[in-house]
N, C-alpha and C. Protein backbone atom coordinates (compact mmCIF):
# COMPACT_ATOMS: atom_id res chain seq x y z
N MET A 1 255.56 30.45 108.41
CA MET A 1 254.25 30.83 108.84
C MET A 1 253.53 31.85 107.84
N ALA A 2 254.39 32.63 107.15
CA ALA A 2 253.90 33.48 106.03
C ALA A 2 253.48 32.75 104.72
N HIS A 3 253.72 31.42 104.63
CA HIS A 3 253.61 30.75 103.35
C HIS A 3 252.09 30.90 102.89
N ARG A 4 252.07 31.28 101.55
CA ARG A 4 250.71 31.59 100.97
C ARG A 4 250.08 32.69 101.58
N GLY A 5 250.75 33.40 102.13
CA GLY A 5 250.40 34.87 102.69
C GLY A 5 251.24 36.02 102.45
N THR A 6 251.34 37.00 103.42
CA THR A 6 252.09 38.00 103.32
C THR A 6 252.94 38.22 104.48
N ILE A 7 254.33 38.68 104.38
CA ILE A 7 255.22 38.95 105.56
C ILE A 7 255.61 40.49 105.51
N PHE A 8 255.32 41.08 106.58
CA PHE A 8 255.75 42.43 106.62
C PHE A 8 257.09 42.80 107.23
N LEU A 9 258.09 43.23 106.80
CA LEU A 9 259.51 43.45 107.40
C LEU A 9 259.62 45.00 107.66
N ASP A 10 259.31 45.47 108.75
CA ASP A 10 259.19 46.70 109.29
C ASP A 10 260.73 47.28 109.55
N GLU A 11 261.10 48.48 109.34
CA GLU A 11 262.36 49.03 109.50
C GLU A 11 263.43 48.04 108.79
N ILE A 12 263.33 47.89 107.61
CA ILE A 12 264.22 46.79 106.92
C ILE A 12 265.63 47.48 106.64
N SER A 13 265.70 48.82 106.75
CA SER A 13 267.15 49.58 106.84
C SER A 13 267.99 49.16 108.12
N GLU A 14 267.34 48.66 108.93
CA GLU A 14 268.26 48.26 110.19
C GLU A 14 268.86 46.82 110.29
N ILE A 15 268.54 46.04 109.07
CA ILE A 15 269.01 44.73 109.12
C ILE A 15 270.51 44.74 108.68
N PRO A 16 271.44 43.99 109.46
CA PRO A 16 272.78 44.05 109.25
C PRO A 16 273.15 43.67 107.77
N LEU A 17 274.19 43.85 107.32
CA LEU A 17 274.70 43.60 105.89
C LEU A 17 274.64 42.05 105.69
N HIS A 18 275.17 41.26 106.62
CA HIS A 18 275.28 39.68 106.47
C HIS A 18 273.85 39.15 106.50
N ILE A 19 272.89 39.79 107.06
CA ILE A 19 271.68 39.22 107.19
C ILE A 19 271.07 39.48 105.83
N GLN A 20 271.34 40.70 105.14
CA GLN A 20 270.70 41.22 104.05
C GLN A 20 271.02 40.15 102.82
N SER A 21 272.19 39.66 103.01
CA SER A 21 272.73 38.73 101.93
C SER A 21 271.69 37.58 101.90
N GLN A 22 271.51 37.07 103.24
CA GLN A 22 270.60 35.62 103.59
C GLN A 22 269.13 36.04 103.07
N LEU A 23 268.56 37.32 103.46
CA LEU A 23 267.41 37.76 103.02
C LEU A 23 267.18 37.82 101.54
N LEU A 24 268.17 38.22 100.77
CA LEU A 24 268.12 38.41 99.34
C LEU A 24 268.07 37.01 98.78
N ARG A 25 268.74 36.04 99.34
CA ARG A 25 268.66 34.73 98.61
C ARG A 25 267.48 34.11 98.93
N VAL A 26 266.76 34.21 100.13
CA VAL A 26 265.29 33.80 100.26
C VAL A 26 264.32 34.47 99.23
N ILE A 27 264.54 35.74 99.17
CA ILE A 27 263.61 36.40 98.03
C ILE A 27 263.86 35.93 96.61
N GLN A 28 265.11 35.64 96.34
CA GLN A 28 265.44 35.37 95.00
C GLN A 28 265.08 33.92 94.88
N GLU A 29 265.37 32.83 95.89
CA GLU A 29 265.14 31.42 95.44
C GLU A 29 263.62 30.88 95.99
N ARG A 30 263.17 32.02 96.56
CA ARG A 30 261.73 31.58 97.36
C ARG A 30 261.74 30.26 98.05
N GLU A 31 262.83 30.11 98.88
CA GLU A 31 262.97 28.86 99.81
C GLU A 31 263.71 29.18 100.91
N ILE A 32 263.58 28.41 101.91
CA ILE A 32 264.26 28.62 103.12
C ILE A 32 264.65 27.02 103.88
N MET A 33 265.47 27.25 104.66
CA MET A 33 265.75 25.90 105.42
C MET A 33 265.92 26.15 107.00
N ARG A 34 264.96 25.53 107.70
CA ARG A 34 265.02 25.92 109.20
C ARG A 34 266.41 25.57 109.84
N LEU A 35 266.67 26.33 110.82
CA LEU A 35 267.78 26.13 111.66
C LEU A 35 267.80 24.66 112.33
N GLY A 36 269.02 24.05 111.95
CA GLY A 36 269.13 22.76 112.49
C GLY A 36 268.67 21.57 111.54
N ASP A 37 267.92 22.01 110.50
CA ASP A 37 267.37 21.12 109.47
C ASP A 37 268.11 21.02 108.12
N ASN A 38 267.83 20.14 107.34
CA ASN A 38 268.54 19.98 106.04
C ASN A 38 267.76 19.77 104.96
N LYS A 39 266.38 20.26 105.11
CA LYS A 39 265.45 20.05 104.19
C LYS A 39 265.06 21.42 103.69
N VAL A 40 264.97 21.69 102.40
CA VAL A 40 264.65 23.07 101.81
C VAL A 40 263.16 23.18 101.76
N ILE A 41 262.70 24.36 102.11
CA ILE A 41 261.13 24.13 102.19
C ILE A 41 260.79 25.49 101.15
N PRO A 42 260.11 25.40 100.17
CA PRO A 42 259.44 26.30 99.07
C PRO A 42 258.40 27.25 99.57
N LEU A 43 258.78 28.48 99.24
CA LEU A 43 257.89 29.50 99.83
C LEU A 43 257.18 30.19 98.86
N ASP A 44 255.80 30.47 99.09
CA ASP A 44 254.94 31.27 98.20
C ASP A 44 254.26 32.40 99.13
N ILE A 45 255.11 33.62 99.15
CA ILE A 45 254.76 34.72 99.85
C ILE A 45 254.72 36.09 99.20
N ARG A 46 254.15 36.93 99.73
CA ARG A 46 254.15 38.36 99.24
C ARG A 46 254.93 39.08 100.43
N ILE A 47 255.93 39.78 100.06
CA ILE A 47 256.67 40.80 100.89
C ILE A 47 256.37 42.10 100.84
N ILE A 48 256.26 42.75 102.06
CA ILE A 48 256.06 44.24 102.19
C ILE A 48 257.12 44.61 103.21
N CYS A 49 257.92 45.64 102.76
CA CYS A 49 259.05 46.28 103.58
C CYS A 49 258.52 47.77 103.57
N ALA A 50 259.15 48.19 104.80
CA ALA A 50 258.98 49.49 105.44
C ALA A 50 260.23 50.09 105.84
N SER A 51 260.45 51.45 105.74
CA SER A 51 261.74 51.99 106.11
C SER A 51 261.38 53.29 106.37
N ASN A 52 261.87 54.30 107.58
CA ASN A 52 261.78 55.47 107.64
C ASN A 52 262.99 56.37 107.27
N LYS A 53 264.09 55.52 106.44
CA LYS A 53 265.21 56.10 106.10
C LYS A 53 265.38 56.12 104.49
N ASP A 54 266.26 56.73 103.96
CA ASP A 54 266.34 56.77 102.44
C ASP A 54 267.06 55.41 102.18
N LEU A 55 266.56 54.46 101.62
CA LEU A 55 267.50 53.50 101.21
C LEU A 55 268.39 53.62 100.02
N ARG A 56 268.08 54.58 99.02
CA ARG A 56 268.92 54.85 98.05
C ARG A 56 270.28 55.45 98.52
N ALA A 57 270.03 56.46 99.45
CA ALA A 57 271.13 56.93 100.18
C ALA A 57 272.06 56.02 100.78
N MET A 58 271.47 55.17 101.64
CA MET A 58 272.05 54.16 102.34
C MET A 58 272.88 53.10 101.27
N VAL A 59 272.42 52.91 100.13
CA VAL A 59 273.05 52.16 98.94
C VAL A 59 274.25 52.84 98.67
N ALA A 60 274.06 54.13 98.49
CA ALA A 60 275.38 54.89 98.11
C ALA A 60 276.45 55.00 99.02
N GLU A 61 275.94 54.71 100.44
CA GLU A 61 277.00 54.96 101.38
C GLU A 61 277.45 53.53 101.84
N GLY A 62 276.85 52.49 101.27
CA GLY A 62 277.45 51.17 101.36
C GLY A 62 276.89 50.43 102.73
N LYS A 63 275.78 51.04 102.97
CA LYS A 63 275.06 50.56 104.39
C LYS A 63 273.92 49.69 104.13
N PHE A 64 273.50 49.58 102.60
CA PHE A 64 272.36 48.66 102.37
C PHE A 64 272.73 48.01 100.94
N ARG A 65 272.52 46.96 100.82
CA ARG A 65 272.86 46.09 99.62
C ARG A 65 272.11 46.74 98.30
N GLU A 66 272.77 46.77 97.39
CA GLU A 66 272.21 47.68 96.20
C GLU A 66 271.31 46.46 95.50
N ASP A 67 271.67 45.23 95.31
CA ASP A 67 270.88 44.17 94.85
C ASP A 67 269.50 43.85 95.65
N LEU A 68 269.69 43.87 97.05
CA LEU A 68 268.58 43.58 97.81
C LEU A 68 267.50 44.89 97.63
N PHE A 69 268.11 46.03 97.47
CA PHE A 69 267.15 47.29 97.43
C PHE A 69 266.52 47.11 96.05
N TYR A 70 267.01 46.87 94.95
CA TYR A 70 266.26 46.76 93.61
C TYR A 70 265.45 45.46 93.61
N ARG A 71 265.50 44.49 94.56
CA ARG A 71 264.94 43.33 94.62
C ARG A 71 263.49 43.55 95.34
N ILE A 72 263.54 44.44 96.29
CA ILE A 72 262.45 44.78 97.27
C ILE A 72 261.65 45.98 96.55
N ASN A 73 262.10 46.63 95.55
CA ASN A 73 261.68 47.90 95.16
C ASN A 73 260.83 47.87 93.95
N THR A 74 260.03 46.75 93.82
CA THR A 74 259.24 46.33 92.82
C THR A 74 258.13 47.62 92.68
N LEU A 75 257.72 47.86 93.64
CA LEU A 75 256.48 48.69 93.86
C LEU A 75 256.59 49.56 95.09
N ASN A 76 256.64 51.02 94.84
CA ASN A 76 257.21 51.87 96.02
C ASN A 76 255.90 52.87 96.23
N PHE A 77 255.65 53.01 97.56
CA PHE A 77 254.83 53.76 98.10
C PHE A 77 255.38 54.73 99.22
N SER A 78 255.29 55.92 99.15
CA SER A 78 255.72 56.87 100.04
C SER A 78 254.43 57.39 100.89
N ILE A 79 254.54 56.94 102.37
CA ILE A 79 253.64 57.64 103.12
C ILE A 79 254.24 58.85 103.81
N PRO A 80 253.43 59.92 103.72
CA PRO A 80 253.87 61.19 104.27
C PRO A 80 253.84 61.10 105.84
N PRO A 81 254.66 61.90 106.53
CA PRO A 81 254.36 61.87 108.02
C PRO A 81 253.13 62.53 108.36
N LEU A 82 252.86 62.33 109.66
CA LEU A 82 251.55 62.68 110.08
C LEU A 82 251.06 64.08 110.10
N LYS A 83 252.16 65.06 110.21
CA LYS A 83 252.02 66.49 110.16
C LYS A 83 251.59 66.80 108.78
N ASP A 84 251.91 65.95 107.84
CA ASP A 84 251.62 66.26 106.37
C ASP A 84 250.02 65.74 106.08
N ARG A 85 249.46 64.91 106.78
CA ARG A 85 248.19 64.24 106.34
C ARG A 85 247.18 64.60 107.52
N HIS A 86 246.91 65.72 108.09
CA HIS A 86 246.16 65.95 109.20
C HIS A 86 244.84 65.27 109.08
N GLY A 87 244.22 64.96 108.02
CA GLY A 87 242.99 64.33 108.09
C GLY A 87 243.06 62.98 108.58
N ASP A 88 244.23 62.29 108.90
CA ASP A 88 244.29 61.14 109.47
C ASP A 88 244.35 61.37 111.16
N ILE A 89 244.47 62.54 111.43
CA ILE A 89 244.58 62.66 112.96
C ILE A 89 243.35 62.32 113.65
N LYS A 90 242.33 62.95 113.21
CA LYS A 90 240.93 62.70 113.87
C LYS A 90 240.71 61.11 114.00
N LEU A 91 240.79 60.31 112.81
CA LEU A 91 240.41 59.10 112.57
C LEU A 91 241.45 58.28 113.72
N LEU A 92 242.69 58.36 113.58
CA LEU A 92 243.61 57.89 114.63
C LEU A 92 243.14 58.10 116.03
N SER A 93 242.86 59.33 116.12
CA SER A 93 242.69 59.72 117.66
C SER A 93 241.44 58.96 118.26
N GLU A 94 240.35 58.95 117.36
CA GLU A 94 239.14 58.27 117.74
C GLU A 94 239.49 56.63 117.96
N TYR A 95 240.35 55.98 117.00
CA TYR A 95 240.52 54.76 117.16
C TYR A 95 241.46 54.59 118.56
N TYR A 96 242.28 55.38 118.83
CA TYR A 96 243.32 55.08 120.11
C TYR A 96 242.32 55.47 121.37
N LEU A 97 241.50 56.26 121.28
CA LEU A 97 240.59 56.67 122.38
C LEU A 97 239.70 55.28 122.64
N LYS A 98 239.30 54.84 121.52
CA LYS A 98 238.33 53.61 121.92
C LYS A 98 239.33 52.45 122.48
N LYS A 99 240.47 52.30 121.85
CA LYS A 99 241.42 51.27 122.28
C LYS A 99 241.96 51.33 123.67
N TYR A 100 242.15 52.66 124.12
CA TYR A 100 242.69 52.62 125.67
C TYR A 100 241.59 53.11 126.52
N SER A 101 240.39 53.42 125.95
CA SER A 101 239.38 53.41 127.03
C SER A 101 238.81 52.13 127.39
N ASP A 102 238.73 51.10 126.54
CA ASP A 102 238.45 49.62 126.53
C ASP A 102 239.65 49.07 127.65
N LYS A 103 241.04 49.41 127.36
CA LYS A 103 242.02 48.75 127.94
C LYS A 103 241.96 49.13 129.63
N TYR A 104 241.62 50.61 129.78
CA TYR A 104 241.89 51.17 131.25
C TYR A 104 240.19 51.28 131.73
N GLY A 105 239.21 50.50 131.27
CA GLY A 105 238.01 50.75 131.59
C GLY A 105 237.40 52.00 131.91
N LYS A 106 237.82 53.03 130.88
CA LYS A 106 237.23 54.45 131.07
C LYS A 106 235.91 54.60 130.27
N ASP A 107 234.88 55.44 130.84
CA ASP A 107 233.68 55.61 130.06
C ASP A 107 233.88 57.01 129.43
N ILE A 108 234.81 57.16 128.22
CA ILE A 108 234.83 58.37 127.75
C ILE A 108 234.09 58.37 126.42
N ASP A 109 233.29 59.39 126.14
CA ASP A 109 232.60 59.39 124.83
C ASP A 109 233.30 60.06 123.73
N GLY A 110 234.27 60.75 123.82
CA GLY A 110 234.89 61.43 122.80
C GLY A 110 235.81 62.50 123.20
N ILE A 111 236.34 63.24 122.15
CA ILE A 111 237.49 64.24 122.42
C ILE A 111 236.79 65.61 121.98
N SER A 112 236.57 66.57 122.82
CA SER A 112 236.03 67.80 122.55
C SER A 112 236.72 68.45 121.45
N ASP A 113 235.85 69.53 120.85
CA ASP A 113 236.11 70.27 119.67
C ASP A 113 237.59 71.03 119.85
N ASP A 114 237.82 71.58 121.07
CA ASP A 114 238.94 72.36 121.00
C ASP A 114 240.21 71.62 121.26
N ALA A 115 240.02 70.48 121.88
CA ALA A 115 241.08 69.55 122.10
C ALA A 115 241.43 69.02 120.60
N MET A 116 240.39 68.49 119.92
CA MET A 116 240.85 68.09 118.54
C MET A 116 241.40 69.14 117.81
N GLU A 117 240.97 70.27 117.84
CA GLU A 117 241.62 71.42 117.01
C GLU A 117 242.91 71.56 117.39
N TYR A 118 243.30 71.26 118.90
CA TYR A 118 244.66 71.39 119.23
C TYR A 118 245.44 70.23 118.63
N LEU A 119 245.09 69.09 118.44
CA LEU A 119 245.83 67.88 118.03
C LEU A 119 245.86 68.23 116.55
N MET A 120 245.07 68.75 115.96
CA MET A 120 245.01 68.96 114.29
C MET A 120 246.39 69.98 114.18
N LYS A 121 246.62 70.93 114.90
CA LYS A 121 247.65 71.93 114.85
C LYS A 121 248.91 71.33 115.13
N ASN A 122 248.97 70.10 115.93
CA ASN A 122 250.30 69.73 116.27
C ASN A 122 251.16 69.13 115.14
N GLU A 123 252.45 69.44 115.20
CA GLU A 123 253.22 68.77 114.20
C GLU A 123 253.60 67.24 114.57
N PHE A 124 253.65 66.59 115.55
CA PHE A 124 253.67 65.33 115.96
C PHE A 124 255.02 64.77 115.23
N LYS A 125 256.20 65.41 115.74
CA LYS A 125 257.29 64.95 115.23
C LYS A 125 257.74 63.66 115.52
N GLY A 126 257.00 63.05 116.54
CA GLY A 126 257.07 61.47 116.77
C GLY A 126 256.38 60.66 115.89
N ASN A 127 255.74 61.42 114.89
CA ASN A 127 254.61 60.74 114.17
C ASN A 127 253.33 59.94 114.82
N VAL A 128 253.05 59.04 114.30
CA VAL A 128 251.57 58.18 114.81
C VAL A 128 252.02 57.65 116.12
N ARG A 129 253.38 57.19 116.53
CA ARG A 129 253.42 56.80 117.92
C ARG A 129 253.43 57.80 118.74
N GLU A 130 253.78 59.07 118.56
CA GLU A 130 253.51 60.21 119.46
C GLU A 130 251.96 60.38 119.56
N LEU A 131 251.26 60.44 118.60
CA LEU A 131 249.81 60.57 118.85
C LEU A 131 249.11 59.64 119.58
N GLN A 132 249.82 58.31 119.31
CA GLN A 132 249.23 57.14 120.16
C GLN A 132 249.46 57.22 121.76
N ASN A 133 250.68 57.89 121.94
CA ASN A 133 251.01 57.92 123.51
C ASN A 133 250.21 59.22 124.02
N VAL A 134 250.14 60.29 123.23
CA VAL A 134 249.40 61.33 123.61
C VAL A 134 247.95 61.07 124.35
N ILE A 135 247.23 60.12 123.40
CA ILE A 135 245.97 59.90 123.60
C ILE A 135 246.05 58.97 124.85
N GLU A 136 246.80 57.85 124.83
CA GLU A 136 246.80 56.92 126.03
C GLU A 136 247.10 57.67 127.27
N ARG A 137 247.95 58.68 127.40
CA ARG A 137 248.10 59.50 128.40
C ARG A 137 246.90 60.18 128.91
N ALA A 138 246.00 60.84 127.95
CA ALA A 138 244.99 61.72 128.35
C ALA A 138 243.97 60.74 128.62
N VAL A 139 243.69 59.54 128.15
CA VAL A 139 242.79 58.56 128.68
C VAL A 139 243.08 58.24 130.09
N ILE A 140 244.22 58.15 130.39
CA ILE A 140 244.51 57.48 131.88
C ILE A 140 244.28 58.65 132.94
N LEU A 141 244.58 59.93 132.47
CA LEU A 141 244.30 61.13 133.27
C LEU A 141 242.83 61.56 133.50
N CYS A 142 242.09 61.36 132.35
CA CYS A 142 240.80 61.93 132.05
C CYS A 142 239.70 61.17 133.10
N ASP A 143 238.96 62.00 133.82
CA ASP A 143 237.78 61.26 134.53
C ASP A 143 236.49 62.13 134.24
N GLU A 144 236.41 62.38 132.96
CA GLU A 144 235.12 63.03 132.38
C GLU A 144 234.63 62.26 131.25
N LYS A 145 233.47 62.76 130.81
CA LYS A 145 232.99 62.17 129.63
C LYS A 145 233.66 62.55 128.37
N TYR A 146 234.22 63.64 128.23
CA TYR A 146 234.99 64.08 127.08
C TYR A 146 236.55 64.51 127.56
N ILE A 147 237.42 64.29 126.66
CA ILE A 147 238.72 64.57 126.72
C ILE A 147 238.81 66.28 126.31
N SER A 148 239.20 67.10 127.23
CA SER A 148 239.38 68.52 127.01
C SER A 148 240.90 68.84 126.48
N LYS A 149 240.88 69.98 125.92
CA LYS A 149 242.26 70.31 125.79
C LYS A 149 243.29 70.38 126.68
N GLU A 150 243.02 70.63 127.87
CA GLU A 150 243.93 70.69 129.05
C GLU A 150 244.75 69.26 129.10
N TYR A 151 244.09 68.24 128.69
CA TYR A 151 244.74 66.94 128.77
C TYR A 151 245.75 66.64 127.82
N PHE A 152 245.84 67.59 126.82
CA PHE A 152 246.72 67.44 125.85
C PHE A 152 248.07 68.44 125.91
N THR A 153 247.96 69.32 127.03
CA THR A 153 249.14 70.16 127.16
C THR A 153 250.06 69.79 128.22
N GLU A 154 251.27 70.24 128.03
CA GLU A 154 252.26 69.85 129.20
C GLU A 154 252.05 70.39 130.42
N GLU A 155 251.43 71.82 130.64
CA GLU A 155 250.99 72.31 131.65
C GLU A 155 250.21 71.38 132.68
N LEU A 156 249.32 70.43 132.18
CA LEU A 156 248.29 69.65 133.03
C LEU A 156 249.46 68.71 133.72
N TYR A 157 250.56 68.16 133.07
CA TYR A 157 251.21 67.18 133.48
C TYR A 157 252.22 67.76 134.77
N GLU A 158 252.68 68.82 134.67
CA GLU A 158 253.48 69.63 135.24
C GLU A 158 252.67 70.07 136.53
N LYS A 159 251.31 70.40 136.52
CA LYS A 159 250.41 70.42 137.50
C LYS A 159 250.33 69.28 138.32
N GLU A 160 249.93 68.18 137.64
CA GLU A 160 249.70 66.76 138.40
C GLU A 160 250.92 66.55 139.15
N SER A 161 252.01 66.81 138.66
CA SER A 161 253.41 66.30 139.42
C SER A 161 253.52 67.24 140.62
N GLN A 162 253.00 68.56 140.48
CA GLN A 162 253.42 69.46 141.57
C GLN A 162 252.29 69.09 142.77
N ILE A 163 251.06 68.61 142.32
CA ILE A 163 250.02 68.53 143.22
C ILE A 163 250.42 67.24 143.94
N ALA A 164 250.82 66.14 143.19
CA ALA A 164 251.28 64.79 143.68
C ALA A 164 252.35 65.09 144.85
N GLU A 165 253.42 65.86 144.64
CA GLU A 165 254.64 66.10 145.29
C GLU A 165 253.95 66.77 146.80
N SER A 166 253.07 67.77 146.48
CA SER A 166 252.67 68.64 147.61
C SER A 166 251.88 67.76 148.67
N THR A 167 250.90 67.08 147.90
CA THR A 167 249.81 66.38 148.89
C THR A 167 250.64 65.06 149.57
N ALA A 168 251.59 64.36 148.88
CA ALA A 168 252.48 63.57 149.41
C ALA A 168 253.14 63.87 150.62
N GLU A 169 253.80 65.12 150.52
CA GLU A 169 254.89 65.73 151.30
C GLU A 169 253.95 65.82 152.59
N ASN A 170 252.63 66.58 152.28
CA ASN A 170 251.87 66.98 153.56
C ASN A 170 251.36 65.83 154.16
N THR A 171 251.10 64.80 153.63
CA THR A 171 250.58 63.53 154.49
C THR A 171 251.53 62.56 154.92
N LEU A 172 252.79 62.54 154.37
CA LEU A 172 253.67 61.43 154.81
C LEU A 172 254.53 62.20 155.77
N PHE A 173 254.89 63.44 155.89
CA PHE A 173 255.63 63.87 156.75
C PHE A 173 255.01 64.03 158.31
N GLU A 174 253.53 64.10 158.05
CA GLU A 174 252.75 63.91 159.47
C GLU A 174 253.08 62.54 160.07
N GLN A 175 253.31 61.38 159.39
CA GLN A 175 253.50 60.17 160.02
C GLN A 175 254.89 59.75 160.47
N MET A 176 255.79 60.74 160.24
CA MET A 176 257.17 60.89 160.85
C MET A 176 257.78 59.36 160.29
N LEU A 177 257.71 59.24 158.94
CA LEU A 177 258.22 57.75 158.54
C LEU A 177 259.88 58.04 158.33
N SER A 178 260.41 56.73 158.22
CA SER A 178 261.79 57.03 157.86
C SER A 178 262.06 57.36 156.40
N LEU A 179 263.32 57.63 156.01
CA LEU A 179 263.52 58.14 154.85
C LEU A 179 263.14 57.13 153.69
N LYS A 180 263.64 55.93 154.04
CA LYS A 180 263.35 54.90 153.04
C LYS A 180 261.93 54.65 152.93
N ASP A 181 261.24 54.71 154.03
CA ASP A 181 259.66 54.37 154.18
C ASP A 181 259.05 55.50 153.45
N LEU A 182 259.46 56.60 153.78
CA LEU A 182 258.90 58.03 152.98
C LEU A 182 259.10 57.78 151.68
N GLU A 183 260.15 57.33 150.96
CA GLU A 183 260.41 57.20 149.46
C GLU A 183 259.35 56.13 149.05
N LYS A 184 259.38 55.03 149.59
CA LYS A 184 258.42 53.91 149.27
C LYS A 184 256.98 54.28 149.30
N GLU A 185 256.60 55.01 150.20
CA GLU A 185 255.18 55.45 150.31
C GLU A 185 254.85 56.58 149.27
N TYR A 186 255.76 57.36 148.92
CA TYR A 186 255.82 58.36 147.78
C TYR A 186 255.58 57.81 146.33
N ILE A 187 256.49 56.55 146.40
CA ILE A 187 256.52 56.05 144.86
C ILE A 187 255.08 55.16 144.88
N ASN A 188 254.62 54.68 145.78
CA ASN A 188 253.38 53.98 145.86
C ASN A 188 252.02 54.98 145.63
N TYR A 189 252.20 56.20 146.12
CA TYR A 189 251.30 57.18 145.83
C TYR A 189 251.17 57.70 144.52
N VAL A 190 252.31 57.89 143.90
CA VAL A 190 252.39 58.41 142.42
C VAL A 190 251.96 57.21 141.46
N PHE A 191 252.47 55.74 141.94
CA PHE A 191 252.10 54.90 141.10
C PHE A 191 250.43 54.73 141.04
N GLU A 192 249.71 54.84 142.10
CA GLU A 192 248.30 54.79 142.30
C GLU A 192 247.76 55.95 141.67
N LYS A 193 248.30 57.25 141.71
CA LYS A 193 247.80 58.38 141.09
C LYS A 193 247.66 58.40 139.50
N GLN A 194 248.80 57.85 139.11
CA GLN A 194 248.87 57.69 137.77
C GLN A 194 248.36 56.56 137.10
N GLY A 195 247.71 55.62 137.93
CA GLY A 195 247.04 54.50 137.20
C GLY A 195 248.08 53.43 136.66
N GLY A 196 249.17 53.27 137.37
CA GLY A 196 250.18 52.44 136.84
C GLY A 196 250.85 52.70 135.61
N ALA A 197 250.92 53.96 135.09
CA ALA A 197 251.38 54.41 133.92
C ALA A 197 252.74 54.66 133.89
N VAL A 198 253.57 53.41 133.62
CA VAL A 198 255.15 53.45 134.08
C VAL A 198 255.81 54.64 133.67
N LYS A 199 255.70 54.90 132.25
CA LYS A 199 256.49 56.09 131.76
C LYS A 199 256.16 57.39 132.37
N LYS A 200 254.96 57.61 132.62
CA LYS A 200 254.46 58.97 133.57
C LYS A 200 255.24 59.03 134.82
N ILE A 201 254.91 57.62 135.52
CA ILE A 201 255.56 57.50 136.84
C ILE A 201 257.06 58.12 136.95
N CYS A 202 257.86 57.30 135.82
CA CYS A 202 259.21 57.47 135.81
C CYS A 202 259.62 58.96 135.59
N ASP A 203 258.74 59.51 134.50
CA ASP A 203 259.01 61.05 134.42
C ASP A 203 259.00 61.98 135.68
N ILE A 204 257.77 61.54 136.51
CA ILE A 204 257.67 62.24 137.67
C ILE A 204 258.74 62.20 138.62
N LEU A 205 259.20 60.91 138.79
CA LEU A 205 259.98 60.48 139.91
C LEU A 205 261.60 60.92 139.41
N LYS A 206 261.75 61.01 138.05
CA LYS A 206 263.06 61.05 137.44
C LYS A 206 263.92 59.94 137.66
N ILE A 207 263.41 58.87 137.50
CA ILE A 207 264.11 57.53 137.53
C ILE A 207 263.71 56.57 136.36
N ASP A 208 264.74 55.56 135.93
CA ASP A 208 264.21 54.64 134.91
C ASP A 208 263.38 53.65 135.35
N ARG A 209 263.01 52.64 134.35
CA ARG A 209 261.94 51.68 134.84
C ARG A 209 262.70 50.73 135.73
N SER A 210 263.82 50.24 135.39
CA SER A 210 264.56 49.19 136.36
C SER A 210 264.67 49.57 137.73
N THR A 211 264.95 51.02 138.00
CA THR A 211 264.94 51.54 139.14
C THR A 211 263.56 51.69 139.94
N LEU A 212 262.57 51.79 139.10
CA LEU A 212 261.39 51.97 139.71
C LEU A 212 261.03 50.46 140.33
N TRP A 213 261.22 49.57 139.44
CA TRP A 213 260.76 48.12 139.75
C TRP A 213 261.62 47.69 140.98
N ARG A 214 262.90 48.05 140.90
CA ARG A 214 263.58 47.67 142.14
C ARG A 214 263.06 48.23 143.51
N LYS A 215 262.91 49.69 143.52
CA LYS A 215 262.25 50.27 144.69
C LYS A 215 261.10 49.87 145.35
N MET A 216 260.19 49.43 144.22
CA MET A 216 258.94 48.74 144.65
C MET A 216 258.92 47.63 145.17
N LYS A 217 260.02 46.69 144.93
CA LYS A 217 260.30 45.35 145.31
C LYS A 217 260.93 45.48 146.84
N GLU A 218 261.45 46.59 147.05
CA GLU A 218 262.33 46.58 148.28
C GLU A 218 261.22 46.58 149.49
N LYS A 219 261.84 45.87 150.38
CA LYS A 219 261.03 45.57 151.79
C LYS A 219 261.43 46.70 152.86
């Protein structure tokens, strides 16, 4: 599929050694053979690899083939973590804001100045993926035109959880439901309250995804 184009191999450090030897042969010979076939197919491709680990150190430890390392290390670019390039935070935040506003049908015009300042000061140890998750969660919870700072602080989510638990308790106990029905009603309540955001729902309920789906399917 990448013939006469570019193929991106992400997290190349995670490829097992026996696969590394096969990949090296493909890069060297510029040809492949499909599984179950006996015909050699020539390749004209550009290869870009990425890794968040030190490949030189892995070579020294015997965890990455030295010949493959030198074969893919023709031109090297080091991309600093997000905390070292704060100028990208605003651009990425605006990109993810539009992406998730469209996905969840939200009419949000932007991120307030104090909220953006808060993001700019964050270290984002989880890098871009953490920022992406933070913006998505804020979009789901926000019902205003602008996302304010409170949508990025943990206190908000703790408060949301407490309100959900308190409201559900007051409503459901009045119905005198069985323990099983009470549990299901509460799960449905949290699910609706969080807009179907599975990760947030699991965090509130303190269960994993498979348990959540099983409980929701129970009659």
